[in-house]
């Protein structure tokens, strides 16, 4: 029987424990306060590809359906939500901060391939003695630089990258989780940021219920 959805907004997501891109879209959508239905598609199953193909032009999740509108990329979902719910301010209101937030979000969106390969997303995994491959170290160093720069500039505004929650935090939230999962050593200046992201109620909802 086909499931009946009650909300105008439907978000199609992958398995919580492994789908880092789905986590990003989930966090952004929850910030809007909008009513929505969430449909989870288990990944790495025999019928996964067929199920996703029915709702996603790219063959990937997440996918946001809002009425007749369909958006199938995490960053594009964030941009759409920022425009549709402007009062939430998913991007910083200040133009210079907004440009900075977009720059690091796009860098996260398109880069850090060695981090993705060698420190795969595992929402609940904890590997205290994991030996980080050398190939992933430059990506880790760059991320630490990004977070350190944001904390040095904007710590007076709050505990997240630009003070309050933005799309940039959603884009980096799976990396925060990766750093915790694989016990990545970080400088004290960004520890508050990591702790704040991991303590977000929305993050706990995702990571504790896989």
N, C-alpha and C. Protein backbone atom coordinates (compact mmCIF):
# COMPACT_ATOMS: atom_id res chain seq x y z
N UNK A 1 0.85 -1.19 0.00
CA UNK A 1 0.00 0.00 0.00
C UNK A 1 0.89 1.25 0.00
N UNK A 2 0.56 2.20 -0.84
CA UNK A 2 1.34 3.42 -0.93
C UNK A 2 1.10 4.28 0.30
N UNK A 3 2.17 4.78 0.88
CA UNK A 3 2.04 5.60 2.08
C UNK A 3 1.40 6.93 1.75
N UNK A 4 0.51 7.39 2.63
CA UNK A 4 -0.15 8.68 2.47
C UNK A 4 0.55 9.71 3.34
N UNK A 5 0.98 10.81 2.74
CA UNK A 5 1.66 11.86 3.48
C UNK A 5 0.67 12.99 3.75
N UNK A 6 0.78 13.55 4.96
CA UNK A 6 -0.15 14.58 5.39
C UNK A 6 0.36 15.99 5.13
N UNK A 7 1.67 16.15 5.09
CA UNK A 7 2.26 17.48 4.95
C UNK A 7 2.55 17.82 3.49
N UNK A 8 2.58 19.11 3.21
CA UNK A 8 2.93 19.57 1.86
C UNK A 8 4.41 19.35 1.58
N UNK A 9 5.21 19.33 2.65
CA UNK A 9 6.65 19.14 2.51
C UNK A 9 7.00 17.70 2.88
N UNK A 10 7.73 17.03 1.99
CA UNK A 10 8.21 15.68 2.25
C UNK A 10 9.72 15.67 2.01
N UNK A 11 10.46 15.12 2.96
CA UNK A 11 11.90 14.97 2.79
C UNK A 11 12.22 13.48 2.71
N UNK A 12 12.89 13.10 1.64
CA UNK A 12 13.30 11.71 1.45
C UNK A 12 14.77 11.59 1.85
N UNK A 13 15.05 10.67 2.76
CA UNK A 13 16.35 10.58 3.39
C UNK A 13 16.88 9.16 3.34
N UNK A 14 18.20 9.03 3.43
CA UNK A 14 18.81 7.72 3.50
C UNK A 14 18.98 7.26 4.93
N UNK A 15 19.58 6.11 5.12
CA UNK A 15 19.79 5.53 6.45
C UNK A 15 20.56 6.50 7.34
N UNK A 16 20.07 6.68 8.56
CA UNK A 16 20.64 7.68 9.45
C UNK A 16 22.11 7.43 9.77
N UNK A 17 22.49 6.18 9.91
CA UNK A 17 23.84 5.91 10.38
C UNK A 17 24.91 6.16 9.33
N UNK A 18 24.53 6.20 8.05
CA UNK A 18 25.56 6.32 7.01
C UNK A 18 25.33 7.48 6.04
N UNK A 19 24.17 8.10 6.05
CA UNK A 19 23.85 9.13 5.04
C UNK A 19 24.13 10.52 5.58
N UNK A 20 25.36 10.98 5.40
CA UNK A 20 25.75 12.29 5.90
C UNK A 20 25.02 13.42 5.17
N UNK A 21 24.76 13.24 3.88
CA UNK A 21 24.06 14.29 3.13
C UNK A 21 22.62 14.41 3.59
N UNK A 22 22.01 13.30 3.96
CA UNK A 22 20.64 13.35 4.49
C UNK A 22 20.61 14.11 5.81
N UNK A 23 21.62 13.89 6.65
CA UNK A 23 21.69 14.62 7.92
C UNK A 23 21.71 16.12 7.68
N UNK A 24 22.45 16.56 6.71
CA UNK A 24 22.53 18.00 6.42
C UNK A 24 21.14 18.56 6.10
N UNK A 25 20.43 17.90 5.21
CA UNK A 25 19.10 18.39 4.82
C UNK A 25 18.14 18.35 6.00
N UNK A 26 18.20 17.30 6.80
CA UNK A 26 17.37 17.14 7.99
C UNK A 26 17.56 18.31 8.96
N UNK A 27 18.83 18.64 9.23
CA UNK A 27 19.11 19.73 10.16
C UNK A 27 18.57 21.06 9.65
N UNK A 28 18.75 21.32 8.36
CA UNK A 28 18.28 22.58 7.80
C UNK A 28 16.76 22.68 7.83
N UNK A 29 16.10 21.60 7.47
CA UNK A 29 14.64 21.61 7.44
C UNK A 29 14.06 21.79 8.84
N UNK A 30 14.62 21.14 9.83
CA UNK A 30 14.11 21.28 11.19
C UNK A 30 14.22 22.72 11.69
N UNK A 31 15.25 23.44 11.24
CA UNK A 31 15.41 24.82 11.69
C UNK A 31 14.25 25.72 11.26
N UNK A 32 13.57 25.35 10.20
CA UNK A 32 12.49 26.21 9.69
C UNK A 32 11.25 26.15 10.56
N UNK A 33 11.09 25.08 11.32
CA UNK A 33 9.88 24.91 12.12
C UNK A 33 8.68 24.49 11.31
N UNK A 34 8.86 24.21 10.03
CA UNK A 34 7.75 23.82 9.16
C UNK A 34 7.31 22.39 9.43
N UNK A 35 6.04 22.12 9.20
CA UNK A 35 5.54 20.76 9.27
C UNK A 35 6.05 19.99 8.05
N UNK A 36 6.50 18.76 8.26
CA UNK A 36 6.95 17.96 7.13
C UNK A 36 6.84 16.49 7.47
N UNK A 37 6.81 15.68 6.45
CA UNK A 37 6.90 14.23 6.59
C UNK A 37 8.29 13.79 6.17
N UNK A 38 8.84 12.83 6.88
CA UNK A 38 10.15 12.27 6.54
C UNK A 38 9.98 10.83 6.10
N UNK A 39 10.55 10.51 4.94
CA UNK A 39 10.52 9.14 4.42
C UNK A 39 11.96 8.64 4.34
N UNK A 40 12.26 7.60 5.10
CA UNK A 40 13.62 7.05 5.12
C UNK A 40 13.72 5.84 4.20
N UNK A 41 14.74 5.86 3.37
CA UNK A 41 14.99 4.77 2.43
C UNK A 41 16.27 4.06 2.87
N UNK A 42 16.18 2.82 3.34
CA UNK A 42 17.38 2.10 3.75
C UNK A 42 18.37 1.97 2.60
N UNK A 43 19.62 2.29 2.87
CA UNK A 43 20.64 2.22 1.84
C UNK A 43 21.29 0.84 1.82
N UNK A 44 21.98 0.55 0.74
CA UNK A 44 22.73 -0.71 0.58
C UNK A 44 21.83 -1.94 0.66
N UNK A 45 20.60 -1.77 0.17
CA UNK A 45 19.68 -2.90 0.07
C UNK A 45 19.47 -3.25 -1.41
N UNK A 46 18.95 -4.43 -1.66
CA UNK A 46 18.77 -4.87 -3.04
C UNK A 46 17.84 -3.95 -3.82
N UNK A 47 16.86 -3.36 -3.14
CA UNK A 47 15.88 -2.51 -3.82
C UNK A 47 16.12 -1.02 -3.62
N UNK A 48 17.25 -0.65 -3.00
CA UNK A 48 17.52 0.76 -2.72
C UNK A 48 17.53 1.61 -3.98
N UNK A 49 18.25 1.16 -4.99
CA UNK A 49 18.38 1.94 -6.22
C UNK A 49 17.02 2.18 -6.86
N UNK A 50 16.18 1.16 -6.91
CA UNK A 50 14.86 1.30 -7.53
C UNK A 50 13.98 2.26 -6.72
N UNK A 51 14.04 2.19 -5.40
CA UNK A 51 13.22 3.06 -4.56
C UNK A 51 13.62 4.52 -4.73
N UNK A 52 14.92 4.77 -4.75
CA UNK A 52 15.38 6.15 -4.88
C UNK A 52 15.08 6.68 -6.28
N UNK A 53 15.21 5.84 -7.28
CA UNK A 53 14.95 6.27 -8.66
C UNK A 53 13.52 6.77 -8.85
N UNK A 54 12.61 6.30 -8.04
CA UNK A 54 11.22 6.71 -8.17
C UNK A 54 10.97 8.14 -7.70
N UNK A 55 11.87 8.65 -6.87
CA UNK A 55 11.64 9.99 -6.31
C UNK A 55 12.78 10.97 -6.59
N UNK A 56 13.91 10.49 -7.10
CA UNK A 56 15.07 11.36 -7.27
C UNK A 56 15.61 11.33 -8.69
N UNK A 57 15.62 12.47 -9.38
CA UNK A 57 16.19 12.52 -10.74
C UNK A 57 17.66 12.14 -10.79
N UNK A 58 18.39 12.40 -9.70
CA UNK A 58 19.82 12.11 -9.68
C UNK A 58 20.12 10.69 -9.20
N UNK A 59 19.10 10.01 -8.70
CA UNK A 59 19.33 8.68 -8.14
C UNK A 59 19.98 8.72 -6.77
N UNK A 60 19.89 9.88 -6.11
CA UNK A 60 20.50 10.03 -4.79
C UNK A 60 19.52 10.70 -3.84
N UNK A 61 19.79 10.55 -2.55
CA UNK A 61 19.06 11.28 -1.52
C UNK A 61 20.06 12.17 -0.78
N UNK A 62 19.57 13.26 -0.15
CA UNK A 62 18.19 13.60 0.13
C UNK A 62 17.49 14.24 -1.06
N UNK A 63 16.16 14.22 -0.97
CA UNK A 63 15.29 14.91 -1.92
C UNK A 63 14.21 15.63 -1.13
N UNK A 64 13.99 16.88 -1.44
CA UNK A 64 12.92 17.65 -0.80
C UNK A 64 11.80 17.86 -1.80
N UNK A 65 10.59 17.50 -1.42
CA UNK A 65 9.40 17.74 -2.24
C UNK A 65 8.52 18.74 -1.51
N UNK A 66 8.27 19.86 -2.14
CA UNK A 66 7.41 20.89 -1.56
C UNK A 66 6.32 21.20 -2.57
N UNK A 67 5.15 20.61 -2.38
CA UNK A 67 4.12 20.72 -3.39
C UNK A 67 4.59 20.06 -4.67
N UNK A 68 4.65 20.82 -5.75
CA UNK A 68 5.13 20.28 -7.02
C UNK A 68 6.63 20.48 -7.21
N UNK A 69 7.26 21.20 -6.29
CA UNK A 69 8.69 21.50 -6.39
C UNK A 69 9.51 20.33 -5.86
N UNK A 70 10.58 20.00 -6.60
CA UNK A 70 11.46 18.91 -6.20
C UNK A 70 12.90 19.42 -6.21
N UNK A 71 13.62 19.23 -5.11
CA UNK A 71 15.01 19.65 -5.00
C UNK A 71 15.82 18.45 -4.53
N UNK A 72 16.91 18.11 -5.23
CA UNK A 72 17.60 16.85 -4.97
C UNK A 72 19.09 17.01 -4.67
N UNK A 73 19.46 18.06 -4.00
CA UNK A 73 20.85 18.28 -3.59
C UNK A 73 20.81 19.00 -2.25
N UNK A 74 21.66 18.59 -1.32
CA UNK A 74 21.62 19.14 0.04
C UNK A 74 21.80 20.65 0.08
N UNK A 75 22.80 21.16 -0.63
CA UNK A 75 23.04 22.60 -0.60
C UNK A 75 21.92 23.35 -1.31
N UNK A 76 21.41 22.78 -2.40
CA UNK A 76 20.27 23.40 -3.08
C UNK A 76 19.03 23.40 -2.19
N UNK A 77 18.86 22.33 -1.41
CA UNK A 77 17.75 22.29 -0.45
C UNK A 77 17.91 23.42 0.57
N UNK A 78 19.14 23.61 1.05
CA UNK A 78 19.38 24.69 1.99
C UNK A 78 19.07 26.05 1.40
N UNK A 79 19.49 26.30 0.18
CA UNK A 79 19.21 27.58 -0.48
C UNK A 79 17.70 27.78 -0.64
N UNK A 80 16.99 26.72 -1.03
CA UNK A 80 15.55 26.82 -1.21
C UNK A 80 14.86 27.13 0.13
N UNK A 81 15.28 26.45 1.18
CA UNK A 81 14.68 26.70 2.49
C UNK A 81 14.98 28.12 2.98
N UNK A 82 16.19 28.60 2.72
CA UNK A 82 16.55 29.96 3.12
C UNK A 82 15.67 30.99 2.43
N UNK A 83 15.33 30.74 1.18
CA UNK A 83 14.47 31.67 0.44
C UNK A 83 13.00 31.52 0.82
N UNK A 84 12.58 30.29 1.10
CA UNK A 84 11.17 30.02 1.41
C UNK A 84 10.82 30.43 2.83
N UNK A 85 11.80 30.35 3.74
CA UNK A 85 11.57 30.72 5.14
C UNK A 85 12.60 31.77 5.56
N UNK A 86 12.51 32.98 4.97
CA UNK A 86 13.56 33.99 5.21
C UNK A 86 13.66 34.44 6.66
N UNK A 87 12.57 34.34 7.42
CA UNK A 87 12.59 34.79 8.81
C UNK A 87 13.51 33.94 9.68
N UNK A 88 13.83 32.72 9.22
CA UNK A 88 14.68 31.82 10.00
C UNK A 88 16.16 32.21 9.89
N UNK A 89 16.51 32.91 8.81
CA UNK A 89 17.89 33.35 8.57
C UNK A 89 18.87 32.18 8.56
N UNK A 90 18.65 31.26 7.62
CA UNK A 90 19.56 30.13 7.49
C UNK A 90 20.94 30.53 6.98
N UNK A 91 21.04 31.69 6.37
CA UNK A 91 22.33 32.31 6.09
C UNK A 91 22.48 33.51 7.01
N UNK A 92 23.71 33.91 7.37
CA UNK A 92 23.89 35.12 8.18
C UNK A 92 23.27 36.34 7.50
N UNK A 93 22.74 37.23 8.29
CA UNK A 93 22.12 38.43 7.72
C UNK A 93 23.14 39.41 7.16
N UNK A 94 24.30 39.48 7.79
CA UNK A 94 25.36 40.37 7.31
C UNK A 94 25.92 39.84 5.99
N UNK A 95 26.07 40.69 5.00
CA UNK A 95 26.46 40.25 3.66
C UNK A 95 27.86 39.64 3.63
N UNK A 96 28.79 40.23 4.39
CA UNK A 96 30.16 39.69 4.40
C UNK A 96 30.18 38.32 5.09
N UNK A 97 29.47 38.19 6.19
CA UNK A 97 29.39 36.89 6.86
C UNK A 97 28.68 35.87 5.97
N UNK A 98 27.67 36.34 5.26
CA UNK A 98 26.92 35.44 4.37
C UNK A 98 27.82 34.91 3.26
N UNK A 99 28.64 35.78 2.69
CA UNK A 99 29.57 35.34 1.65
C UNK A 99 30.58 34.35 2.20
N UNK A 100 31.04 34.60 3.41
CA UNK A 100 31.98 33.68 4.06
C UNK A 100 31.31 32.33 4.30
N UNK A 101 30.09 32.35 4.81
CA UNK A 101 29.36 31.11 5.08
C UNK A 101 29.12 30.32 3.80
N UNK A 102 28.78 31.01 2.73
CA UNK A 102 28.56 30.33 1.45
C UNK A 102 29.86 29.72 0.93
N UNK A 103 30.95 30.43 1.11
CA UNK A 103 32.24 29.95 0.60
C UNK A 103 32.64 28.64 1.28
N UNK A 104 32.55 28.60 2.60
CA UNK A 104 32.96 27.37 3.27
C UNK A 104 31.95 26.24 3.07
N UNK A 105 30.68 26.60 2.88
CA UNK A 105 29.67 25.58 2.61
C UNK A 105 29.92 24.94 1.25
N UNK A 106 30.24 25.75 0.27
CA UNK A 106 30.53 25.22 -1.06
C UNK A 106 31.82 24.40 -1.06
N UNK A 107 32.80 24.83 -0.28
CA UNK A 107 34.04 24.06 -0.18
C UNK A 107 33.76 22.69 0.42
N UNK A 108 32.91 22.65 1.43
CA UNK A 108 32.53 21.36 2.03
C UNK A 108 31.76 20.51 1.03
N UNK A 109 30.88 21.13 0.29
CA UNK A 109 30.02 20.43 -0.65
C UNK A 109 30.82 19.72 -1.73
N UNK A 110 31.89 20.33 -2.18
CA UNK A 110 32.61 19.80 -3.35
C UNK A 110 33.96 19.17 -3.02
N UNK A 111 34.41 19.29 -1.77
CA UNK A 111 35.77 18.86 -1.47
C UNK A 111 35.87 17.79 -0.40
N UNK A 112 37.08 17.66 0.13
CA UNK A 112 37.39 16.76 1.25
C UNK A 112 37.12 15.30 0.92
N UNK A 113 37.53 14.89 -0.28
CA UNK A 113 37.28 13.53 -0.74
C UNK A 113 38.05 12.49 0.08
N UNK A 114 39.25 12.82 0.51
CA UNK A 114 40.04 11.86 1.30
C UNK A 114 39.44 11.67 2.69
N UNK A 115 38.89 12.74 3.26
CA UNK A 115 38.20 12.60 4.54
C UNK A 115 37.00 11.67 4.39
N UNK A 116 36.22 11.86 3.34
CA UNK A 116 35.04 11.02 3.10
C UNK A 116 35.45 9.55 2.93
N UNK A 117 36.56 9.34 2.22
CA UNK A 117 36.98 7.98 1.92
C UNK A 117 37.52 7.26 3.15
N UNK A 118 38.36 7.94 3.92
CA UNK A 118 39.09 7.26 4.99
C UNK A 118 38.43 7.38 6.37
N UNK A 119 37.50 8.34 6.50
CA UNK A 119 36.74 8.48 7.74
C UNK A 119 35.25 8.47 7.39
N UNK A 120 34.74 7.34 6.94
CA UNK A 120 33.34 7.28 6.49
C UNK A 120 32.38 7.63 7.62
N UNK A 121 31.28 8.25 7.26
CA UNK A 121 30.29 8.67 8.24
C UNK A 121 29.69 7.46 8.94
N UNK A 122 29.70 7.52 10.25
CA UNK A 122 29.14 6.45 11.09
C UNK A 122 28.57 7.14 12.32
N UNK A 123 27.27 7.43 12.28
CA UNK A 123 26.66 8.31 13.28
C UNK A 123 26.88 7.85 14.71
N UNK A 124 26.84 6.55 14.94
CA UNK A 124 26.96 6.05 16.30
C UNK A 124 28.31 5.41 16.61
N UNK A 125 29.13 5.19 15.60
CA UNK A 125 30.40 4.53 15.83
C UNK A 125 31.36 5.37 16.66
N UNK A 126 32.18 4.71 17.47
CA UNK A 126 33.21 5.38 18.25
C UNK A 126 34.47 4.51 18.21
N UNK A 127 35.53 5.05 17.57
CA UNK A 127 36.76 4.29 17.38
C UNK A 127 37.92 5.09 17.97
N UNK A 128 38.11 4.91 19.27
CA UNK A 128 39.06 5.74 20.01
C UNK A 128 40.50 5.57 19.53
N UNK A 129 40.86 4.40 19.02
CA UNK A 129 42.24 4.13 18.63
C UNK A 129 42.43 4.05 17.12
N UNK A 130 41.52 4.67 16.39
CA UNK A 130 41.60 4.63 14.92
C UNK A 130 42.85 5.36 14.45
N UNK A 131 43.59 4.72 13.58
CA UNK A 131 44.79 5.34 13.00
C UNK A 131 44.38 6.04 11.71
N UNK A 132 44.44 7.35 11.73
CA UNK A 132 43.98 8.14 10.58
C UNK A 132 44.99 8.04 9.44
N UNK A 133 44.58 7.60 8.27
CA UNK A 133 45.50 7.50 7.14
C UNK A 133 46.10 8.86 6.77
N UNK A 134 47.33 8.87 6.36
CA UNK A 134 48.02 10.11 6.02
C UNK A 134 47.29 10.89 4.94
N UNK A 135 46.64 10.18 4.02
CA UNK A 135 45.95 10.85 2.91
C UNK A 135 44.84 11.77 3.39
N UNK A 136 44.27 11.49 4.58
CA UNK A 136 43.16 12.31 5.08
C UNK A 136 43.63 13.50 5.90
N UNK A 137 44.90 13.54 6.27
CA UNK A 137 45.38 14.59 7.17
C UNK A 137 45.28 16.00 6.58
N UNK A 138 45.58 16.22 5.29
CA UNK A 138 45.41 17.58 4.77
C UNK A 138 43.96 18.06 4.84
N UNK A 139 43.00 17.18 4.59
CA UNK A 139 41.59 17.57 4.69
C UNK A 139 41.25 17.94 6.13
N UNK A 140 41.73 17.16 7.08
CA UNK A 140 41.46 17.45 8.49
C UNK A 140 42.08 18.79 8.88
N UNK A 141 43.29 19.03 8.43
CA UNK A 141 43.96 20.30 8.75
C UNK A 141 43.20 21.48 8.18
N UNK A 142 42.69 21.34 6.96
CA UNK A 142 41.94 22.43 6.34
C UNK A 142 40.64 22.69 7.09
N UNK A 143 39.96 21.65 7.50
CA UNK A 143 38.71 21.83 8.25
C UNK A 143 38.97 22.51 9.58
N UNK A 144 40.03 22.10 10.26
CA UNK A 144 40.39 22.75 11.52
C UNK A 144 40.69 24.23 11.29
N UNK A 145 41.36 24.56 10.18
CA UNK A 145 41.64 25.96 9.84
C UNK A 145 40.34 26.73 9.63
N UNK A 146 39.37 26.12 8.92
CA UNK A 146 38.09 26.78 8.64
C UNK A 146 37.36 27.07 9.95
N UNK A 147 37.28 26.07 10.80
CA UNK A 147 36.56 26.25 12.07
C UNK A 147 37.27 27.25 12.98
N UNK A 148 38.60 27.17 13.02
CA UNK A 148 39.37 28.09 13.85
C UNK A 148 39.16 29.52 13.41
N UNK A 149 39.19 29.75 12.11
CA UNK A 149 38.98 31.09 11.56
C UNK A 149 37.61 31.63 11.96
N UNK A 150 36.58 30.79 11.83
CA UNK A 150 35.23 31.22 12.20
C UNK A 150 35.13 31.53 13.69
N UNK A 151 35.73 30.69 14.52
CA UNK A 151 35.66 30.93 15.96
C UNK A 151 36.41 32.22 16.33
N UNK A 152 37.53 32.46 15.68
CA UNK A 152 38.27 33.68 15.98
C UNK A 152 37.50 34.92 15.56
N UNK A 153 36.76 34.81 14.48
CA UNK A 153 36.01 35.97 13.99
C UNK A 153 34.69 36.18 14.71
N UNK A 154 33.99 35.09 15.01
CA UNK A 154 32.58 35.22 15.39
C UNK A 154 32.21 34.61 16.73
N UNK A 155 33.19 34.20 17.54
CA UNK A 155 32.88 33.57 18.82
C UNK A 155 32.04 34.49 19.72
N UNK A 156 32.21 35.79 19.55
CA UNK A 156 31.44 36.73 20.37
C UNK A 156 29.96 36.72 20.04
N UNK A 157 29.60 36.11 18.90
CA UNK A 157 28.20 36.07 18.48
C UNK A 157 27.48 34.80 18.94
N UNK A 158 28.24 33.80 19.37
CA UNK A 158 27.63 32.55 19.79
C UNK A 158 28.58 31.39 19.60
N UNK A 159 28.08 30.17 19.84
CA UNK A 159 28.94 28.99 19.87
C UNK A 159 29.07 28.26 18.55
N UNK A 160 28.32 28.68 17.53
CA UNK A 160 28.39 28.02 16.23
C UNK A 160 29.28 28.83 15.27
N UNK A 161 29.43 28.36 14.06
CA UNK A 161 30.42 28.97 13.17
C UNK A 161 30.22 30.46 12.96
N UNK A 162 28.97 30.87 12.84
CA UNK A 162 28.66 32.29 12.64
C UNK A 162 27.78 32.83 13.77
N UNK A 163 27.90 32.22 14.91
CA UNK A 163 27.12 32.62 16.07
C UNK A 163 25.91 31.73 16.24
N UNK A 164 24.86 31.98 15.46
CA UNK A 164 23.67 31.14 15.46
C UNK A 164 23.75 30.11 14.35
N UNK A 165 22.84 29.16 14.39
CA UNK A 165 22.86 28.08 13.40
C UNK A 165 22.64 28.61 11.99
N UNK A 166 23.47 28.15 11.06
CA UNK A 166 23.31 28.49 9.65
C UNK A 166 23.50 27.23 8.80
N UNK A 167 23.30 27.39 7.51
CA UNK A 167 23.52 26.29 6.59
C UNK A 167 24.95 25.77 6.70
N UNK A 168 25.89 26.66 7.00
CA UNK A 168 27.29 26.23 7.15
C UNK A 168 27.43 25.18 8.25
N UNK A 169 26.71 25.35 9.34
CA UNK A 169 26.76 24.37 10.42
C UNK A 169 26.16 23.04 9.98
N UNK A 170 25.09 23.10 9.21
CA UNK A 170 24.50 21.86 8.68
C UNK A 170 25.47 21.15 7.75
N UNK A 171 26.18 21.92 6.93
CA UNK A 171 27.12 21.31 6.00
C UNK A 171 28.29 20.63 6.72
N UNK A 172 28.70 21.19 7.86
CA UNK A 172 29.85 20.63 8.58
C UNK A 172 29.45 19.69 9.71
N UNK A 173 28.16 19.60 10.02
CA UNK A 173 27.74 18.74 11.13
C UNK A 173 28.19 17.29 10.98
N UNK A 174 28.08 16.68 9.79
CA UNK A 174 28.58 15.30 9.66
C UNK A 174 30.08 15.19 9.89
N UNK A 175 30.82 16.25 9.60
CA UNK A 175 32.26 16.23 9.85
C UNK A 175 32.53 16.32 11.34
N UNK A 176 31.76 17.13 12.04
CA UNK A 176 31.87 17.16 13.50
C UNK A 176 31.69 15.75 14.05
N UNK A 177 30.66 15.08 13.56
CA UNK A 177 30.40 13.71 14.01
C UNK A 177 31.56 12.79 13.66
N UNK A 178 32.11 12.94 12.46
CA UNK A 178 33.27 12.13 12.07
C UNK A 178 34.44 12.35 13.03
N UNK A 179 34.69 13.60 13.40
CA UNK A 179 35.81 13.89 14.30
C UNK A 179 35.60 13.19 15.65
N UNK A 180 34.36 13.14 16.11
CA UNK A 180 34.06 12.45 17.36
C UNK A 180 34.17 10.94 17.17
N UNK A 181 33.62 10.45 16.07
CA UNK A 181 33.65 9.01 15.79
C UNK A 181 35.07 8.47 15.77
N UNK A 182 35.97 9.19 15.11
CA UNK A 182 37.34 8.70 14.93
C UNK A 182 38.35 9.35 15.88
N UNK A 183 37.82 10.07 16.89
CA UNK A 183 38.66 10.65 17.94
C UNK A 183 39.77 11.52 17.36
N UNK A 184 39.39 12.40 16.44
CA UNK A 184 40.36 13.30 15.81
C UNK A 184 40.79 14.37 16.82
N UNK A 185 42.09 14.56 16.96
CA UNK A 185 42.60 15.58 17.88
C UNK A 185 42.32 16.97 17.32
N UNK A 186 41.79 17.85 18.17
CA UNK A 186 41.45 19.21 17.73
C UNK A 186 41.96 20.21 18.75
N UNK A 187 42.26 21.43 18.30
CA UNK A 187 42.71 22.46 19.24
C UNK A 187 41.56 22.93 20.13
N UNK A 188 41.91 23.46 21.27
CA UNK A 188 40.90 23.88 22.26
C UNK A 188 39.95 24.92 21.70
N UNK A 189 40.43 25.77 20.78
CA UNK A 189 39.61 26.86 20.28
C UNK A 189 38.36 26.38 19.56
N UNK A 190 38.37 25.15 19.02
CA UNK A 190 37.19 24.66 18.32
C UNK A 190 36.44 23.58 19.11
N UNK A 191 36.91 23.26 20.30
CA UNK A 191 36.23 22.24 21.09
C UNK A 191 34.81 22.65 21.45
N UNK A 192 34.62 23.92 21.78
CA UNK A 192 33.27 24.39 22.11
C UNK A 192 32.33 24.21 20.93
N UNK A 193 32.85 24.48 19.73
CA UNK A 193 32.01 24.31 18.55
C UNK A 193 31.61 22.85 18.37
N UNK A 194 32.55 21.95 18.46
CA UNK A 194 32.25 20.52 18.32
C UNK A 194 31.25 20.08 19.38
N UNK A 195 31.45 20.50 20.62
CA UNK A 195 30.54 20.12 21.70
C UNK A 195 29.14 20.68 21.46
N UNK A 196 29.06 21.91 20.95
CA UNK A 196 27.77 22.55 20.71
C UNK A 196 26.99 21.82 19.63
N UNK A 197 27.66 21.46 18.55
CA UNK A 197 26.98 20.75 17.45
C UNK A 197 26.49 19.38 17.93
N UNK A 198 27.33 18.66 18.63
CA UNK A 198 26.94 17.33 19.09
C UNK A 198 25.79 17.39 20.11
N UNK A 199 25.64 18.52 20.80
CA UNK A 199 24.59 18.68 21.80
C UNK A 199 23.29 19.22 21.23
N UNK A 200 23.28 19.61 19.95
CA UNK A 200 22.04 20.11 19.35
C UNK A 200 20.95 19.04 19.45
N UNK A 201 19.75 19.40 19.90
CA UNK A 201 18.66 18.42 19.98
C UNK A 201 18.42 17.70 18.66
N UNK A 202 18.50 18.46 17.56
CA UNK A 202 18.27 17.87 16.24
C UNK A 202 19.36 16.84 15.89
N UNK A 203 20.58 17.14 16.32
CA UNK A 203 21.69 16.21 16.08
C UNK A 203 21.50 14.94 16.90
N UNK A 204 21.08 15.10 18.14
CA UNK A 204 20.83 13.94 18.99
C UNK A 204 19.70 13.08 18.44
N UNK A 205 18.66 13.73 17.91
CA UNK A 205 17.54 12.99 17.32
C UNK A 205 18.04 12.08 16.20
N UNK A 206 18.98 12.59 15.43
CA UNK A 206 19.51 11.82 14.29
C UNK A 206 20.45 10.71 14.75
N UNK A 207 21.42 11.07 15.58
CA UNK A 207 22.50 10.14 15.92
C UNK A 207 22.09 9.07 16.93
N UNK A 208 21.08 9.34 17.73
CA UNK A 208 20.69 8.40 18.78
C UNK A 208 19.54 7.50 18.36
N UNK A 209 19.04 7.68 17.15
CA UNK A 209 17.90 6.89 16.70
C UNK A 209 18.14 6.41 15.28
N UNK A 210 19.16 5.55 15.13
CA UNK A 210 19.53 5.10 13.78
C UNK A 210 18.87 3.76 13.46
